[in-house]
Structure formats: structure tokens, C-alpha cells
Protein backbone atom coordinates (compact mmCIF):
# COMPACT_ATOMS: atom_id res chain seq x y z
CA UNK A 1 -98.01 -14.97 175.38
CA UNK A 2 -97.44 -13.77 171.87
CA UNK A 3 -96.99 -17.38 170.83
CA UNK A 4 -100.33 -18.51 172.37
CA UNK A 5 -102.43 -16.29 170.03
CA UNK A 6 -100.30 -17.37 167.08
CA UNK A 7 -101.40 -20.99 167.41
CA UNK A 8 -105.19 -20.27 167.28
CA UNK A 9 -104.67 -17.94 164.24
CA UNK A 10 -104.38 -20.81 161.67
CA UNK A 11 -107.37 -22.48 163.43
CA UNK A 12 -109.33 -19.17 163.18
CA UNK A 13 -108.44 -18.70 159.54
CA UNK A 14 -110.95 -21.24 158.30
CA UNK A 15 -113.54 -19.95 160.64
CA UNK A 16 -113.71 -16.42 159.00
CA UNK A 17 -114.02 -18.20 155.61
CA UNK A 18 -117.10 -20.22 156.92
CA UNK A 19 -118.30 -16.96 158.59
CA UNK A 20 -117.96 -15.14 155.25
CA UNK A 21 -119.97 -17.93 153.56
CA UNK A 22 -122.82 -17.67 156.15
CA UNK A 23 -123.53 -14.04 155.28
CA UNK A 24 -124.12 -14.98 151.62
CA UNK A 25 -127.46 -16.82 152.42
CA UNK A 26 -128.47 -13.94 154.83
CA UNK A 27 -127.93 -11.35 152.03
CA UNK A 28 -130.95 -12.46 149.94
CA UNK A 29 -133.07 -11.62 152.96
CA UNK A 30 -132.02 -8.00 152.80
CA UNK A 31 -133.27 -7.31 149.31
CA UNK A 32 -136.86 -8.43 150.21
CA UNK A 33 -137.57 -4.91 151.40
CA UNK A 34 -136.04 -3.40 148.23
CA UNK A 35 -138.70 -5.40 146.49
CA UNK A 36 -139.11 -6.33 142.81
CA UNK A 37 -136.96 -3.31 141.61
CA UNK A 38 -133.74 -5.19 142.41
CA UNK A 39 -134.93 -8.49 141.09
CA UNK A 40 -136.32 -7.03 137.85
CA UNK A 41 -133.41 -4.80 137.04
CA UNK A 42 -131.14 -7.32 135.10
CA UNK A 43 -133.75 -10.06 134.43
CA UNK A 44 -134.84 -11.37 131.09
CA UNK A 45 -138.17 -13.05 130.92
CA UNK A 46 -139.54 -15.63 128.52
CA UNK A 47 -141.95 -13.95 126.08
CA UNK A 48 -145.70 -13.99 127.23
CA UNK A 49 -147.50 -16.87 125.80
CA UNK A 50 -144.34 -19.21 125.87
CA UNK A 51 -145.75 -22.70 126.26
CA UNK A 52 -144.19 -24.85 128.95
CA UNK A 53 -144.93 -28.55 129.57
CA UNK A 54 -144.73 -29.73 133.09
CA UNK A 55 -144.30 -33.61 133.45
CA UNK A 56 -144.35 -34.58 137.10
CA UNK A 57 -146.42 -37.18 139.07
CA UNK A 58 -146.90 -34.77 142.00
CA UNK A 59 -150.05 -32.74 141.61
CA UNK A 60 -148.53 -30.33 144.15
CA UNK A 61 -145.33 -29.71 141.97
CA UNK A 62 -147.45 -29.38 138.81
CA UNK A 63 -149.72 -26.83 140.54
CA UNK A 64 -146.86 -24.95 142.01
CA UNK A 65 -144.97 -24.62 138.83
CA UNK A 66 -148.14 -23.78 136.97
CA UNK A 67 -148.94 -20.95 139.31
CA UNK A 68 -145.45 -19.58 139.09
CA UNK A 69 -145.34 -19.84 135.27
CA UNK A 70 -148.86 -18.36 134.79
CA UNK A 71 -147.96 -15.28 136.79
CA UNK A 72 -145.43 -14.48 134.14
CA UNK A 73 -148.09 -15.00 131.35
CA UNK A 74 -146.60 -18.37 130.34
CA UNK A 75 -148.97 -21.12 129.03
CA UNK A 76 -148.77 -24.43 131.02
CA UNK A 77 -149.41 -27.86 129.74
CA UNK A 78 -149.56 -30.69 132.26
CA UNK A 79 -148.78 -34.37 132.31
CA UNK A 80 -148.56 -36.71 135.26
CA UNK A 81 -146.67 -39.55 133.65
CA UNK A 82 -143.84 -39.78 130.92
CA UNK A 83 -146.04 -41.48 128.36
CA UNK A 84 -148.72 -38.74 128.38
CA UNK A 85 -146.01 -36.09 128.56
CA UNK A 86 -144.34 -37.45 125.37
CA UNK A 87 -147.68 -37.50 123.58
CA UNK A 88 -148.39 -33.91 124.58
CA UNK A 89 -144.93 -32.82 123.51
CA UNK A 90 -145.35 -34.35 120.15
CA UNK A 91 -148.83 -32.97 119.68
CA UNK A 92 -148.38 -29.52 121.15
CA UNK A 93 -144.46 -28.90 120.66
CA UNK A 94 -144.02 -26.72 123.72
CA UNK A 95 -141.23 -24.07 124.10
CA UNK A 96 -139.87 -25.70 127.25
CA UNK A 97 -140.33 -28.92 129.22
CA UNK A 98 -139.87 -29.47 132.86
CA UNK A 99 -139.39 -33.29 133.31
CA UNK A 100 -139.28 -35.04 136.61
CA UNK A 101 -136.83 -38.02 136.85
CA UNK A 102 -138.99 -40.35 139.09
CA UNK A 103 -142.27 -41.01 137.38
CA UNK A 104 -144.64 -44.01 137.41
CA UNK A 105 -144.04 -46.32 134.44
CA UNK A 106 -141.43 -44.85 132.21
CA UNK A 107 -138.86 -42.78 134.12
CA UNK A 108 -137.67 -39.34 133.19
CA UNK A 109 -134.36 -40.53 131.85
CA UNK A 110 -136.14 -42.83 129.39
CA UNK A 111 -138.57 -40.13 128.54
CA UNK A 112 -135.68 -37.77 127.87
CA UNK A 113 -134.04 -40.30 125.52
CA UNK A 114 -137.39 -40.71 123.71
CA UNK A 115 -137.88 -37.07 123.31
CA UNK A 116 -134.22 -36.51 122.07
CA UNK A 117 -134.70 -39.33 119.42
CA UNK A 118 -137.95 -37.90 118.05
CA UNK A 119 -137.49 -35.47 115.17
CA UNK A 120 -140.46 -33.46 116.42
CA UNK A 121 -139.29 -33.02 119.98
CA UNK A 122 -135.42 -33.44 119.82
CA UNK A 123 -134.83 -29.65 119.77
CA UNK A 124 -137.04 -28.82 122.73
CA UNK A 125 -135.22 -27.53 125.77
CA UNK A 126 -135.73 -29.74 128.75
CA UNK A 127 -135.07 -28.94 132.43
CA UNK A 128 -134.93 -32.17 134.53
CA UNK A 129 -136.18 -31.94 138.09
CA UNK A 130 -135.75 -34.26 140.99
CA UNK A 131 -135.91 -34.44 144.77
CA UNK A 132 -132.71 -36.55 144.71
CA UNK A 133 -130.03 -34.32 143.22
CA UNK A 134 -126.91 -36.39 143.32
CA UNK A 135 -123.88 -35.48 141.19
CA UNK A 136 -124.26 -38.73 139.36
CA UNK A 137 -127.74 -37.88 138.28
CA UNK A 138 -126.74 -34.43 137.17
CA UNK A 139 -123.83 -35.94 135.09
CA UNK A 140 -126.16 -38.60 133.62
CA UNK A 141 -128.79 -35.95 132.65
CA UNK A 142 -126.22 -33.72 130.90
CA UNK A 143 -124.78 -36.75 129.03
CA UNK A 144 -128.15 -37.81 127.62
CA UNK A 145 -129.21 -34.33 126.46
CA UNK A 146 -130.98 -32.34 129.15
CA UNK A 147 -130.45 -28.57 129.13
CA UNK A 148 -130.46 -28.13 132.92
CA UNK A 149 -131.20 -29.75 136.18
CA UNK A 150 -133.26 -28.41 139.16
CA UNK A 151 -133.42 -29.91 142.48
CA UNK A 152 -136.72 -30.05 144.46
CA UNK A 153 -137.73 -28.12 146.45
CA UNK A 154 -137.00 -25.06 144.38
CA UNK A 155 -137.84 -21.46 144.70
CA UNK A 156 -139.58 -19.16 142.24
CA UNK A 157 -136.39 -17.35 141.66
CA UNK A 158 -134.49 -20.58 140.70
CA UNK A 159 -137.30 -21.55 138.26
CA UNK A 160 -136.91 -18.28 136.36
CA UNK A 161 -133.17 -18.19 136.53
CA UNK A 162 -133.14 -21.70 134.82
CA UNK A 163 -135.68 -20.36 132.11
CA UNK A 164 -133.57 -17.21 131.67
CA UNK A 165 -130.42 -19.19 130.92
CA UNK A 166 -132.23 -20.95 128.02
CA UNK A 167 -133.62 -17.73 126.36
CA UNK A 168 -132.59 -16.81 122.95
CA UNK A 169 -132.58 -13.28 121.54
CA UNK A 170 -136.28 -13.47 120.97
CA UNK A 171 -136.84 -14.49 124.73
CA UNK A 172 -137.86 -18.04 123.63
CA UNK A 173 -136.25 -20.99 125.41
CA UNK A 174 -134.08 -22.99 123.24
CA UNK A 175 -132.08 -26.30 123.39
CA UNK A 176 -128.33 -25.60 123.31
CA UNK A 177 -127.63 -27.54 120.09
CA UNK A 178 -130.73 -26.19 118.22
CA UNK A 179 -129.59 -24.16 115.20
CA UNK A 180 -132.42 -21.65 115.28
CA UNK A 181 -135.80 -20.89 116.79
CA UNK A 182 -139.11 -22.62 116.04
CA UNK A 183 -140.13 -19.47 114.16
CA UNK A 184 -136.93 -19.71 112.01
CA UNK A 185 -137.74 -23.38 111.30
CA UNK A 186 -141.22 -22.57 110.41
CA UNK A 187 -140.18 -19.69 108.17
CA UNK A 188 -137.56 -22.00 106.46
CA UNK A 189 -140.21 -24.68 105.92
CA UNK A 190 -142.71 -22.13 104.47
CA UNK A 191 -140.02 -20.67 102.15
CA UNK A 192 -139.06 -24.13 100.92
CA UNK A 193 -142.54 -25.50 100.27
């Protein structure tokens, strides 16, 4: 009978790996009673007053992101289509843009290309968002210059983890290829002119 248990052992070997993967989602439920202390311990937040442009045709998504961001003292600008979003980005030069891929008229990919080609907006960090998070979209987003990709639906924690990954030493989101912060660019312009 020692041979019979030996046969199921290789079958059971993958089962513990799956069982080990299952507690991982259950673990975030445990810190809920530990409260904000655990979540705040190692977190870096964007500086209060950081300006974020949300470009999404869903009023629900815009309202949700706005509420989350304003709870952390961020200023939220809104656009419900790419063309309006590009105008606002050029006029207001926000610190960060959340850009939906599926939009009426110009889609998010073309909006991203337009923003990256414009000298005023090319250095702005952009997080693409979509309800259809296929690997090909993620690859395409990265190739044409987005800083990150976030799948809908998203949690508050995910939004701030994405923002945190883009923060510079002054707690301002920045585009990966940007040589310095907007403040440094403004100081360089003031010194030169």
C-alpha cells in the first residue's frame, strides 16, 4: 500500500501550490482590522495639490477617480473625450494623466501619440486605463509611450500604487524619460531668460 500513496503525491504536489496561491488573496482581508497603520507605513503619496487629469467617457469612472484623488488632496481636472483632454492637458499642464483607451471620437492610443508628440505635453506621465486588459494592449501602450496601464475595475489601493511608482524625490509624478521635474524646467527657463 506504500505504492498507492506514492502515485497521488505527484498529483497532490500541484494542489498545494494552488492552495498556497489561494491564501494570497485572503491575506489582504486580514490587514483590514489592522487599519491604515499597515497601509500607511511604507507608502509615499503625491504632494498635496498635485494636478491630475482624468480622461474617460464614463462619468462613473471619472467621479470614482476624482473622489479617490481628492481624498488625498490632489486637484482633479476632467475630460470626457480625447480632444477635450488634449486641450486641457496643453492649457493646464497637469502633473499626471489617467487616459482611457476606448473613447468616443479619437481613441486613447491616438490621444497618447498626440500628447507624446506635443512639446508641451510630451513629458507628462500617463497611466492608460481600460476594461479590456489584454497583453497586446499593454505591450502597445508601453511601446507608444505610456508610463503604466491599469485595468478596470480598479481598487483605491491600485490607483495609489500606480501613482506612487511614478513619484520623483519631490513626490511629483514624472514620465520615465523626463530629465527633471516641471519645477526644475521652470527654474532653468527663468535662469536662461
